[in-house]
Amino acid sequence: MHFNKKFAFAALTTALAATALPAVAVTLRVGNQGDALSMDPHSLNESLQISVNENVYEPLVMRDRDYKLAPALATSWKQTSPTVWRFDLRKGVQFHDGTPFTADDVIFSYERAKSDGSDMKTYVGQIKEIKKISDHAVDIVTTAPFPILPELFTHWDIMSKKWCETNQATKPVDRRKGIENFASFKANGTGPFRLRERQPNVRTVFARNANYWGKIDGNVDEVIFNVIGNDSTRVAALLSGEIDVMEPVPVQDVDRLKAVPSLKVMQGPELRIIFLGMDQKRDELQFSNVKGKNPFKDKRVRQAFFQAIDIDGIKRSVMRGASTPTALMIPPEVNGYAPDLAKRLPFDIEASKRLLAEAGYPNGFEVSMNCPNDRYVNDGPICQAVAANLAKVGVKIKLEVETKGTYFPKILRRDTSFYMLGWTASTVDAHNVMFPIMSTPGDGGRGQFNLGAYSNARVDELTDKVASETDMKKRNEMIREAMKIHQDEVGHIPLHQQALNWGAKKNITLVQWPDNGMAWKYITVK
């Protein structure tokens, strides 16, 4: 038999060409109940906004798959004196527009993050100044010794000085005033994904950054982030295959989705505590039928509210078991947690009525309550349950439930008397709650999210001491003392630790961080 070598070679070449066809681009479709309200990483300190933006922008120090500290735009850091940290910056990094990353961008981002309108002051509030050592090294000087500084930097994102100056975006947008600028809708980070298309409150498209300095462990080329506010519509979209990942899964649909062979539900404890805040500063409440007085200035009223709330009923009927009631502003996973302080005051309608009567409100009073409907798991129903509980002790709640697009500007202006909020200690340390939430509002981000202006001089003193104390035993004792004072005074009303519920197709692997962050660079679609 005659063998035609020329034909055989041609056939082999054709076969190899067929196997070498370019891979199909992988698109990930995400459905969420809300949207990132801005592409500006310094404009709003809110979990979803941080989660989305940090796929585009990066901090000096990031979290790895296991939520441990890892180098990002800084390759290393060390204390050279009690109040000075040397950060060596990564070389060869470019912003998405091709501009090189240098120390000038770090200094600019510090000034921007601490300026008026910034919602990220609390992450840079311990800094006195930043000194440029070279293009790729800076000394960060703190106002006092601050041993957990690197942990605080994981959500302080670095922006391009040149890009911001070119586009008149040198100041962050102020969500309290509804102000927006170029950085609200455009983005130029160093991260693994670039912003391609932005339709606020509808959908946003991101593309893989081909020039990313680091390794992208996943295979996703494009992310389409869809806003699907209605719970049932979002679940239906996952069931039909219209989206690949959804967050959050409504607690009432968890078992239903678990039963679908092609889907999975990822669950775990979140670092977030859901709590209620009360205006304790004004002489008269803004939104109340009590004239000339502020009932919330009286601890007995605050305690009456606490004891009127049936938290076990909320866990059972609203959260479907997906919550852990607590009396602390931090969960067990956070350093400084004291288990014995987590025990709540008893739910007691009669005790609540007695306290209100003793405070001079035997028939209760009327007050407005602000609540989001697209931020937390079952946030609206939680507020409705709280309002129903308080009605039983004569307190009439005028409930104002709204999208976070209007909710946040309102409460951040402190235009609220009674509100629900959640806080995630992303540093996994109690100081990240004590400084922004429990401290008296002041400079450098102190008390920036203490929207009811709770104030205790000893708590402020302990917060400062906790910041610089390196002896962990002494430090935890001080944290405990501060938490106990705040608790005894009912500075806020903690409700519960929230649980995470994500839904996804089974062919998708992803990392679920305890701060509810979703890093797209770790996602693989098989």
Protein backbone atom coordinates (compact mmCIF):
# COMPACT_ATOMS: atom_id res chain seq x y z
CA MET A 1 0.00 0.00 0.00
CA HIS A 2 1.40 3.37 -0.98
CA PHE A 3 1.50 5.91 1.90
CA ASN A 4 1.06 9.57 0.92
CA LYS A 5 3.25 11.49 3.40
CA LYS A 6 2.12 14.86 2.05
CA PHE A 7 -1.55 14.00 2.65
CA ALA A 8 -0.78 12.67 6.12
CA PHE A 9 1.03 15.87 7.11
CA ALA A 10 -1.81 18.01 5.78
CA ALA A 11 -4.36 15.96 7.70
CA LEU A 12 -2.31 16.25 10.89
CA THR A 13 -1.98 20.03 10.45
CA THR A 14 -5.75 20.35 10.02
CA ALA A 15 -6.39 18.32 13.17
CA LEU A 16 -3.96 20.40 15.21
CA ALA A 17 -5.54 23.59 13.94
CA ALA A 18 -8.95 22.32 15.01
CA THR A 19 -7.75 21.66 18.55
CA ALA A 20 -6.04 25.06 18.77
CA LEU A 21 -9.21 27.12 18.29
CA PRO A 22 -9.39 30.05 20.70
CA ALA A 23 -11.22 29.36 23.98
CA VAL A 24 -14.72 30.74 24.33
CA ALA A 25 -14.87 33.78 26.58
CA VAL A 26 -16.41 33.03 29.99
CA THR A 27 -19.16 35.38 31.15
CA LEU A 28 -20.45 35.38 34.73
CA ARG A 29 -23.91 36.83 35.35
CA VAL A 30 -24.46 38.00 38.92
CA GLY A 31 -27.81 39.01 40.38
CA ASN A 32 -27.98 41.15 43.52
CA GLN A 33 -30.84 42.83 45.38
CA GLY A 34 -29.05 46.20 45.21
CA ASP A 35 -26.39 48.09 43.33
CA ALA A 36 -23.09 49.74 44.13
CA LEU A 37 -24.28 53.33 44.44
CA SER A 38 -21.11 54.78 42.93
CA MET A 39 -17.91 53.69 41.22
CA ASP A 40 -16.02 56.12 43.48
CA PRO A 41 -14.25 53.93 46.08
CA HIS A 42 -14.13 56.73 48.67
CA SER A 43 -17.76 57.82 48.46
CA LEU A 44 -19.63 55.22 50.52
CA ASN A 45 -18.48 52.77 53.18
CA GLU A 46 -21.05 50.11 52.35
CA SER A 47 -20.40 46.39 51.94
CA LEU A 48 -21.81 45.86 48.45
CA GLN A 49 -20.13 48.96 47.09
CA ILE A 50 -16.81 47.86 48.59
CA SER A 51 -17.25 44.31 47.25
CA VAL A 52 -17.93 45.49 43.69
CA ASN A 53 -15.38 48.30 43.58
CA GLU A 54 -12.52 46.23 44.96
CA ASN A 55 -12.58 44.08 41.85
CA VAL A 56 -11.57 47.28 40.02
CA TYR A 57 -9.59 49.24 42.63
CA GLU A 58 -7.05 47.84 45.08
CA PRO A 59 -5.68 48.71 48.54
CA LEU A 60 -2.11 48.45 49.78
CA VAL A 61 -3.02 45.31 51.73
CA MET A 62 -5.68 42.80 50.67
CA ARG A 63 -7.33 39.61 51.85
CA ASP A 64 -6.44 36.24 50.34
CA ARG A 65 -8.73 33.27 49.76
CA ASP A 66 -8.71 32.49 53.49
CA TYR A 67 -9.38 36.13 54.46
CA LYS A 68 -5.84 36.53 55.74
CA LEU A 69 -3.72 39.62 55.09
CA ALA A 70 -1.73 39.51 51.87
CA PRO A 71 0.38 41.97 49.86
CA ALA A 72 -1.47 43.99 47.25
CA LEU A 73 -0.14 47.34 46.03
CA ALA A 74 2.35 47.11 48.88
CA THR A 75 4.74 44.16 48.75
CA SER A 76 5.84 44.45 52.39
CA TRP A 77 5.45 46.60 55.49
CA LYS A 78 7.11 46.97 58.87
CA GLN A 79 7.20 49.29 61.85
CA THR A 80 10.42 51.31 61.96
CA SER A 81 9.34 53.08 65.16
CA PRO A 82 6.18 52.94 67.33
CA THR A 83 4.44 55.53 65.12
CA VAL A 84 6.08 54.95 61.73
CA TRP A 85 5.35 52.21 59.20
CA ARG A 86 7.46 51.69 56.08
CA PHE A 87 5.45 50.36 53.13
CA ASP A 88 7.35 49.12 50.09
CA LEU A 89 5.21 49.58 46.99
CA ARG A 90 4.83 47.16 44.12
CA LYS A 91 6.80 48.05 41.01
CA GLY A 92 5.58 47.65 37.44
CA VAL A 93 1.89 48.17 38.26
CA GLN A 94 -0.25 50.19 35.87
CA PHE A 95 -3.68 51.72 36.28
CA HIS A 96 -6.19 50.65 33.65
CA ASP A 97 -5.37 53.68 31.52
CA GLY A 98 -1.67 52.72 31.46
CA THR A 99 -0.47 55.28 34.02
CA PRO A 100 2.23 53.83 36.33
CA PHE A 101 1.37 53.39 40.01
CA THR A 102 3.72 55.28 42.37
CA ALA A 103 3.96 56.71 45.88
CA ASP A 104 2.34 59.92 44.63
CA ASP A 105 -0.91 57.98 44.12
CA VAL A 106 -0.79 56.68 47.70
CA ILE A 107 -0.34 60.17 49.15
CA PHE A 108 -3.04 61.57 46.88
CA SER A 109 -5.46 58.77 47.86
CA TYR A 110 -4.80 59.47 51.54
CA GLU A 111 -5.62 63.15 51.13
CA ARG A 112 -8.72 62.24 49.10
CA ALA A 113 -9.98 59.62 51.57
CA LYS A 114 -9.72 62.00 54.54
CA SER A 115 -11.31 64.98 52.76
CA ASP A 116 -14.83 66.33 53.14
CA GLY A 117 -17.36 64.11 51.41
CA SER A 118 -15.34 60.94 51.98
CA ASP A 119 -17.11 58.05 53.68
CA MET A 120 -13.79 56.23 54.25
CA LYS A 121 -12.22 58.57 56.81
CA THR A 122 -12.31 55.89 59.48
CA TYR A 123 -9.76 53.81 57.49
CA VAL A 124 -7.18 56.61 57.42
CA GLY A 125 -8.13 58.45 60.62
CA GLN A 126 -5.11 57.11 62.53
CA ILE A 127 -2.66 58.63 60.01
CA LYS A 128 -0.85 61.88 60.81
CA GLU A 129 1.02 62.11 57.50
CA ILE A 130 2.55 60.08 54.68
CA LYS A 131 6.12 60.79 53.62
CA LYS A 132 7.44 59.84 50.21
CA ILE A 133 10.74 57.96 50.48
CA SER A 134 10.95 57.08 46.79
CA ASP A 135 8.59 56.32 43.94
CA HIS A 136 8.01 52.91 45.49
CA ALA A 137 8.31 53.46 49.23
CA VAL A 138 6.42 55.56 51.77
CA ASP A 139 6.57 56.12 55.51
CA ILE A 140 3.13 56.28 57.11
CA VAL A 141 3.21 58.22 60.37
CA THR A 142 0.38 57.57 62.84
CA THR A 143 -0.87 59.97 65.51
CA ALA A 144 -0.14 57.31 68.16
CA PRO A 145 1.16 53.72 68.11
CA PHE A 146 -1.32 51.67 66.10
CA PRO A 147 -0.29 48.01 65.73
CA ILE A 148 -3.26 46.92 63.58
CA LEU A 149 -2.73 49.56 60.87
CA PRO A 150 -2.29 47.06 57.98
CA GLU A 151 -5.63 45.43 58.82
CA LEU A 152 -7.30 48.82 58.54
CA PHE A 153 -5.91 49.39 55.03
CA THR A 154 -7.73 46.50 53.34
CA HIS A 155 -10.63 48.78 52.32
CA TRP A 156 -8.67 51.95 51.58
CA ASP A 157 -8.40 51.85 47.79
CA ILE A 158 -5.76 53.67 45.79
CA MET A 159 -6.75 55.96 42.92
CA SER A 160 -4.68 57.52 40.14
CA LYS A 161 -3.65 61.08 40.99
CA LYS A 162 -3.24 61.93 37.31
CA TRP A 163 -6.61 60.48 36.28
CA CYS A 164 -8.50 62.21 39.08
CA GLU A 165 -6.88 65.55 38.34
CA THR A 166 -7.50 65.21 34.59
CA ASN A 167 -11.17 64.42 35.15
CA GLN A 168 -11.91 66.90 37.97
CA ALA A 169 -12.46 64.10 40.49
CA THR A 170 -9.92 65.05 43.14
CA LYS A 171 -12.60 65.01 45.84
CA PRO A 172 -14.90 62.06 46.55
CA VAL A 173 -18.59 62.35 45.84
CA ASP A 174 -20.66 63.24 48.89
CA ARG A 175 -23.61 60.82 49.15
CA ARG A 176 -25.14 62.99 51.87
CA LYS A 177 -25.63 65.81 49.35
CA GLY A 178 -26.31 63.69 46.28
CA ILE A 179 -23.24 65.12 44.54
CA GLU A 180 -21.67 63.13 41.72
CA ASN A 181 -18.64 63.54 39.47
CA PHE A 182 -16.67 61.69 36.80
CA ALA A 183 -15.57 59.01 39.28
CA SER A 184 -19.20 58.19 40.05
CA PHE A 185 -19.68 56.54 36.66
CA LYS A 186 -16.17 55.83 35.38
CA ALA A 187 -13.31 53.93 37.01
CA ASN A 188 -9.55 53.58 36.65
CA GLY A 189 -8.06 51.15 39.14
CA THR A 190 -5.23 48.63 39.17
CA GLY A 191 -7.46 45.63 39.87
CA PRO A 192 -8.17 42.39 37.97
CA PHE A 193 -11.30 43.79 36.29
CA ARG A 194 -12.02 46.96 34.33
CA LEU A 195 -15.29 48.84 34.19
CA ARG A 196 -16.73 48.53 30.69
CA GLU A 197 -20.34 49.72 30.93
CA ARG A 198 -22.34 51.38 33.69
CA GLN A 199 -26.14 51.55 33.95
CA PRO A 200 -26.87 52.54 37.59
CA ASN A 201 -29.51 50.40 39.30
CA VAL A 202 -29.85 48.24 36.18
CA ARG A 203 -26.62 46.51 35.22
CA THR A 204 -22.87 47.08 35.12
CA VAL A 205 -20.41 45.20 32.93
CA PHE A 206 -16.79 44.47 33.85
CA ALA A 207 -14.02 42.94 31.71
CA ARG A 208 -10.93 41.01 32.77
CA ASN A 209 -7.81 43.19 32.97
CA ALA A 210 -5.32 41.61 30.53
CA ASN A 211 -2.49 43.70 32.02
CA TYR A 212 -3.15 42.81 35.66
CA TRP A 213 0.07 42.65 37.71
CA GLY A 214 -1.01 39.60 39.71
CA LYS A 215 -2.39 36.14 39.17
CA ILE A 216 -6.08 35.69 38.42
CA ASP A 217 -6.94 32.24 39.75
CA GLY A 218 -10.35 32.07 38.07
CA ASN A 219 -11.32 31.87 34.40
CA VAL A 220 -13.98 34.59 34.21
CA ASP A 221 -13.46 37.07 31.35
CA GLU A 222 -16.57 39.18 31.82
CA VAL A 223 -18.90 39.92 34.74
CA ILE A 224 -22.40 41.25 34.16
CA PHE A 225 -23.72 42.60 37.46
CA ASN A 226 -27.53 42.75 37.39
CA VAL A 227 -29.72 44.54 39.91
CA ILE A 228 -32.80 42.41 40.69
CA GLY A 229 -34.48 43.94 43.70
CA ASN A 230 -37.48 41.62 43.97
CA ASP A 231 -36.62 38.43 45.86
CA SER A 232 -38.88 36.10 43.90
CA THR A 233 -37.71 37.52 40.57
CA ARG A 234 -34.07 37.03 41.59
CA VAL A 235 -34.73 33.42 42.61
CA ALA A 236 -36.61 32.79 39.35
CA ALA A 237 -33.66 34.19 37.37
CA LEU A 238 -31.29 31.69 39.02
CA LEU A 239 -33.71 28.80 38.51
CA SER A 240 -34.16 29.63 34.83
CA GLY A 241 -30.44 30.07 34.18
CA GLU A 242 -30.78 33.78 33.42
CA ILE A 243 -28.11 34.46 36.08
CA ASP A 244 -25.29 32.24 37.41
CA VAL A 245 -24.84 33.61 40.93
CA MET A 246 -27.24 35.44 43.25
CA GLU A 247 -26.79 37.27 46.53
CA PRO A 248 -28.52 37.17 48.88
CA VAL A 249 -30.76 34.13 48.74
CA PRO A 250 -33.97 35.01 50.62
CA VAL A 251 -34.07 32.91 53.79
CA GLN A 252 -37.46 31.52 52.82
CA ASP A 253 -36.03 30.11 49.55
CA VAL A 254 -32.87 28.45 50.89
CA ASP A 255 -34.32 24.93 51.18
CA ARG A 256 -36.04 25.24 47.82
CA LEU A 257 -32.79 26.06 46.02
CA LYS A 258 -30.87 23.38 47.92
CA ALA A 259 -33.26 20.81 46.48
CA VAL A 260 -32.39 21.74 42.86
CA PRO A 261 -29.67 19.32 41.60
CA SER A 262 -27.98 21.91 39.36
CA LEU A 263 -27.73 24.57 42.09
CA LYS A 264 -26.00 25.08 45.43
CA VAL A 265 -26.45 27.44 48.37
CA MET A 266 -23.33 28.74 50.12
CA GLN A 267 -23.92 29.62 53.77
CA GLY A 268 -21.79 30.91 56.61
CA PRO A 269 -21.68 33.42 59.47
CA GLU A 270 -21.11 37.03 58.47
CA LEU A 271 -19.03 39.49 60.47
CA ARG A 272 -22.01 41.85 60.39
CA ILE A 273 -24.16 42.79 63.36
CA ILE A 274 -27.57 44.30 62.64
CA PHE A 275 -28.50 46.96 65.19
CA LEU A 276 -30.82 49.88 65.93
CA GLY A 277 -29.61 53.40 66.59
CA MET A 278 -31.35 56.27 68.38
CA ASP A 279 -30.76 60.03 68.26
CA GLN A 280 -29.28 60.86 71.68
CA LYS A 281 -28.02 64.37 70.90
CA ARG A 282 -30.85 66.68 69.88
CA ASP A 283 -32.91 68.29 72.62
CA GLU A 284 -36.01 67.45 70.60
CA LEU A 285 -36.50 64.58 68.19
CA GLN A 286 -37.04 65.56 64.56
CA PHE A 287 -39.72 63.02 63.82
CA SER A 288 -41.84 62.54 66.91
CA ASN A 289 -45.06 63.72 68.50
CA VAL A 290 -43.15 64.50 71.72
CA LYS A 291 -42.44 68.22 71.59
CA GLY A 292 -39.65 69.90 73.48
CA LYS A 293 -38.10 66.63 74.62
CA ASN A 294 -35.99 63.80 73.30
CA PRO A 295 -37.13 60.53 74.89
CA PHE A 296 -34.01 58.72 73.65
CA LYS A 297 -31.81 60.79 75.96
CA ASP A 298 -33.31 58.74 78.80
CA LYS A 299 -31.65 55.35 79.21
CA ARG A 300 -34.93 53.92 80.50
CA VAL A 301 -36.56 54.62 77.14
CA ARG A 302 -33.71 52.99 75.24
CA GLN A 303 -33.89 49.95 77.50
CA ALA A 304 -37.67 49.82 77.11
CA PHE A 305 -37.22 49.62 73.33
CA PHE A 306 -34.63 46.86 73.78
CA GLN A 307 -36.87 44.76 76.03
CA ALA A 308 -39.93 45.24 73.82
CA ILE A 309 -38.24 43.49 70.87
CA ASP A 310 -39.00 39.78 70.52
CA ILE A 311 -35.67 38.84 68.94
CA ASP A 312 -36.39 35.10 69.09
CA GLY A 313 -39.65 35.70 67.25
CA ILE A 314 -37.74 37.66 64.58
CA LYS A 315 -35.22 34.83 64.28
CA ARG A 316 -38.00 32.28 63.94
CA SER A 317 -40.53 34.00 61.69
CA VAL A 318 -38.52 36.60 59.77
CA MET A 319 -35.01 35.12 59.54
CA ARG A 320 -36.13 31.46 59.37
CA GLY A 321 -33.35 30.59 61.81
CA ALA A 322 -30.62 32.32 59.75
CA SER A 323 -29.51 34.70 62.52
CA THR A 324 -27.87 34.63 65.93
CA PRO A 325 -29.40 37.03 68.49
CA THR A 326 -26.82 38.99 70.47
CA ALA A 327 -26.37 41.87 72.89
CA LEU A 328 -22.91 42.76 71.53
CA MET A 329 -21.88 44.98 68.65
CA ILE A 330 -19.34 42.37 67.48
CA PRO A 331 -19.75 38.67 66.56
CA PRO A 332 -17.74 35.74 68.03
CA GLU A 333 -15.26 35.76 65.12
CA VAL A 334 -14.00 39.26 66.01
CA ASN A 335 -11.12 39.85 68.42
CA GLY A 336 -12.38 41.21 71.75
CA TYR A 337 -15.62 39.23 71.81
CA ALA A 338 -16.82 38.40 75.34
CA PRO A 339 -19.35 35.51 75.35
CA ASP A 340 -20.92 36.44 78.67
CA LEU A 341 -21.76 39.93 77.39
CA ALA A 342 -23.63 38.51 74.41
CA LYS A 343 -26.61 37.50 76.58
CA ARG A 344 -29.51 39.83 75.84
CA LEU A 345 -31.81 41.51 78.31
CA PRO A 346 -35.01 39.45 78.50
CA PHE A 347 -37.87 40.15 76.13
CA ASP A 348 -40.40 41.54 78.60
CA ILE A 349 -43.41 43.62 77.53
CA GLU A 350 -44.41 44.52 81.08
CA ALA A 351 -40.90 45.61 82.04
CA SER A 352 -40.80 47.75 78.90
CA LYS A 353 -44.09 49.44 79.80
CA ARG A 354 -42.86 50.13 83.34
CA LEU A 355 -39.67 51.72 82.07
CA LEU A 356 -41.60 53.95 79.67
CA ALA A 357 -43.97 55.00 82.44
CA GLU A 358 -41.07 55.77 84.80
CA ALA A 359 -39.51 57.91 82.08
CA GLY A 360 -42.77 59.88 81.72
CA TYR A 361 -44.30 58.11 78.72
CA PRO A 362 -47.03 55.86 80.16
CA ASN A 363 -48.87 55.95 76.83
CA GLY A 364 -45.73 55.67 74.73
CA PHE A 365 -45.04 58.13 71.91
CA GLU A 366 -44.72 58.36 68.14
CA VAL A 367 -41.44 58.38 66.22
CA SER A 368 -40.23 57.73 62.67
CA MET A 369 -37.90 54.83 61.89
CA ASN A 370 -35.62 54.70 58.83
CA CYS A 371 -34.89 51.37 57.24
CA PRO A 372 -33.44 50.15 53.92
CA ASN A 373 -35.13 47.48 51.80
CA ASP A 374 -32.21 46.34 49.64
CA ARG A 375 -29.19 46.17 51.94
CA TYR A 376 -29.53 43.36 54.48
CA VAL A 377 -31.26 39.99 54.56
CA ASN A 378 -34.97 40.67 55.17
CA ASP A 379 -34.22 44.23 56.31
CA GLY A 380 -37.73 45.53 55.60
CA PRO A 381 -39.51 42.65 57.41
CA ILE A 382 -37.15 43.03 60.40
CA CYS A 383 -38.13 46.69 60.75
CA GLN A 384 -41.80 45.80 60.38
CA ALA A 385 -41.44 43.23 63.17
CA VAL A 386 -39.69 45.78 65.41
CA ALA A 387 -42.48 48.28 64.75
CA ALA A 388 -45.13 45.67 65.60
CA ASN A 389 -43.28 44.78 68.83
CA LEU A 390 -43.04 48.42 69.93
CA ALA A 391 -46.73 48.99 69.20
CA LYS A 392 -47.47 46.55 72.03
CA VAL A 393 -45.90 48.96 74.54
CA GLY A 394 -47.65 52.01 73.12
CA VAL A 395 -44.86 53.25 70.81
CA LYS A 396 -46.21 54.12 67.40
CA ILE A 397 -43.57 53.74 64.69
CA LYS A 398 -43.90 55.65 61.45
CA LEU A 399 -41.87 53.28 59.29
CA GLU A 400 -39.95 54.74 56.36
CA VAL A 401 -38.62 51.83 54.29
CA GLU A 402 -36.72 52.85 51.17
CA THR A 403 -33.97 51.90 48.76
CA LYS A 404 -30.45 52.48 50.05
CA GLY A 405 -30.00 55.07 47.27
CA THR A 406 -32.15 57.47 49.32
CA TYR A 407 -31.74 55.81 52.73
CA PHE A 408 -27.98 56.33 53.05
CA PRO A 409 -27.86 60.02 52.10
CA LYS A 410 -30.59 60.66 54.67
CA ILE A 411 -29.12 58.81 57.65
CA LEU A 412 -25.54 59.87 56.89
CA ARG A 413 -26.75 63.48 57.18
CA ARG A 414 -28.04 62.37 60.60
CA ASP A 415 -31.48 63.25 59.33
CA THR A 416 -32.97 60.45 61.42
CA SER A 417 -34.33 59.82 64.90
CA PHE A 418 -34.44 56.02 64.93
CA TYR A 419 -32.81 53.75 62.35
CA MET A 420 -31.57 50.28 61.51
CA LEU A 421 -28.00 49.74 60.37
CA GLY A 422 -25.49 46.90 60.07
CA TRP A 423 -21.75 46.97 60.60
CA THR A 424 -19.04 44.53 59.54
CA ALA A 425 -15.78 44.59 61.48
CA SER A 426 -13.72 43.92 58.35
CA THR A 427 -10.46 44.12 60.32
CA VAL A 428 -11.78 41.26 62.51
CA ASP A 429 -11.01 43.48 65.50
CA ALA A 430 -13.29 45.30 67.96
CA HIS A 431 -11.56 48.63 67.37
CA ASN A 432 -13.18 48.71 63.93
CA VAL A 433 -16.54 49.01 65.74
CA MET A 434 -15.46 51.07 68.74
CA PHE A 435 -13.89 53.89 66.67
CA PRO A 436 -16.55 54.50 63.97
CA ILE A 437 -19.72 53.34 65.78
CA MET A 438 -19.33 53.70 69.56
CA SER A 439 -17.07 56.77 69.84
CA THR A 440 -18.23 60.36 70.14
CA PRO A 441 -18.34 61.88 66.61
CA GLY A 442 -15.18 63.89 65.96
CA ASP A 443 -12.27 64.36 63.61
CA GLY A 444 -10.54 61.75 61.45
CA GLY A 445 -13.53 59.47 61.07
CA ARG A 446 -14.14 59.07 64.81
CA GLY A 447 -17.81 58.24 65.33
CA GLN A 448 -18.49 58.78 61.62
CA PHE A 449 -21.22 56.13 61.70
CA ASN A 450 -22.37 56.84 65.25
CA LEU A 451 -25.43 58.46 63.71
CA GLY A 452 -27.33 58.89 66.98
CA ALA A 453 -24.29 60.58 68.59
CA TYR A 454 -24.02 58.23 71.59
CA SER A 455 -21.24 59.66 73.78
CA ASN A 456 -19.28 58.43 76.79
CA ALA A 457 -15.89 59.89 77.71
CA ARG A 458 -14.61 56.61 79.17
CA VAL A 459 -15.53 54.70 76.01
CA ASP A 460 -13.63 57.31 73.98
CA GLU A 461 -10.62 56.98 76.29
CA LEU A 462 -10.67 53.18 76.07
CA THR A 463 -11.00 53.32 72.27
CA ASP A 464 -7.78 55.35 72.08
CA LYS A 465 -5.98 53.01 74.47
CA VAL A 466 -7.13 49.92 72.56
CA ALA A 467 -5.70 51.43 69.37
CA SER A 468 -2.14 51.49 70.74
CA GLU A 469 -2.07 48.64 73.28
CA THR A 470 0.06 45.64 72.18
CA ASP A 471 -0.52 43.43 75.25
CA MET A 472 -3.48 41.33 74.11
CA LYS A 473 -4.67 40.52 77.63
CA LYS A 474 -4.78 44.20 78.62
CA ARG A 475 -6.25 45.10 75.25
CA ASN A 476 -9.11 42.62 75.54
CA GLU A 477 -9.85 43.79 79.08
CA MET A 478 -10.20 47.35 77.80
CA ILE A 479 -12.42 46.23 74.93
CA ARG A 480 -14.59 44.36 77.40
CA GLU A 481 -14.90 47.42 79.67
CA ALA A 482 -15.93 49.64 76.76
CA MET A 483 -18.46 47.11 75.50
CA LYS A 484 -19.93 46.74 79.00
CA ILE A 485 -20.33 50.51 79.46
CA HIS A 486 -21.96 50.86 76.03
CA GLN A 487 -24.21 47.91 76.78
CA ASP A 488 -25.27 49.15 80.23
CA GLU A 489 -26.14 52.54 78.74
CA VAL A 490 -27.96 50.92 75.78
CA GLY A 491 -25.91 53.08 73.43
CA HIS A 492 -27.31 51.05 70.53
CA ILE A 493 -29.65 48.06 70.37
CA PRO A 494 -27.87 45.06 68.79
CA LEU A 495 -30.29 42.61 67.19
CA HIS A 496 -28.43 39.70 65.63
CA GLN A 497 -25.46 38.42 63.69
CA GLN A 498 -26.51 37.95 60.10
CA ALA A 499 -25.89 34.76 58.10
CA LEU A 500 -24.62 34.68 54.53
CA ASN A 501 -26.70 32.98 51.84
CA TRP A 502 -25.39 32.90 48.26
CA GLY A 503 -26.87 30.86 45.45
CA ALA A 504 -24.94 29.58 42.44
CA LYS A 505 -24.88 26.97 39.71
CA LYS A 506 -23.00 23.86 40.81
CA ASN A 507 -20.43 24.22 38.03
CA ILE A 508 -19.20 27.46 39.60
CA THR A 509 -16.58 27.64 42.35
CA LEU A 510 -16.20 30.85 44.32
CA VAL A 511 -14.84 32.12 47.64
CA GLN A 512 -17.32 33.46 50.20
CA TRP A 513 -15.60 35.94 52.49
CA PRO A 514 -17.13 36.57 55.96
CA ASP A 515 -17.48 40.28 55.19
CA ASN A 516 -19.79 39.33 52.28
CA GLY A 517 -17.11 40.27 49.75
CA MET A 518 -17.05 38.47 46.41
CA ALA A 519 -13.67 38.47 44.62
CA TRP A 520 -14.30 37.66 40.96
CA LYS A 521 -10.65 36.72 40.38
CA TYR A 522 -11.26 33.56 42.46
CA ILE A 523 -14.33 32.43 40.48
CA THR A 524 -14.12 29.51 38.05
CA VAL A 525 -16.89 28.41 35.71
CA LYS A 526 -16.32 24.76 34.75
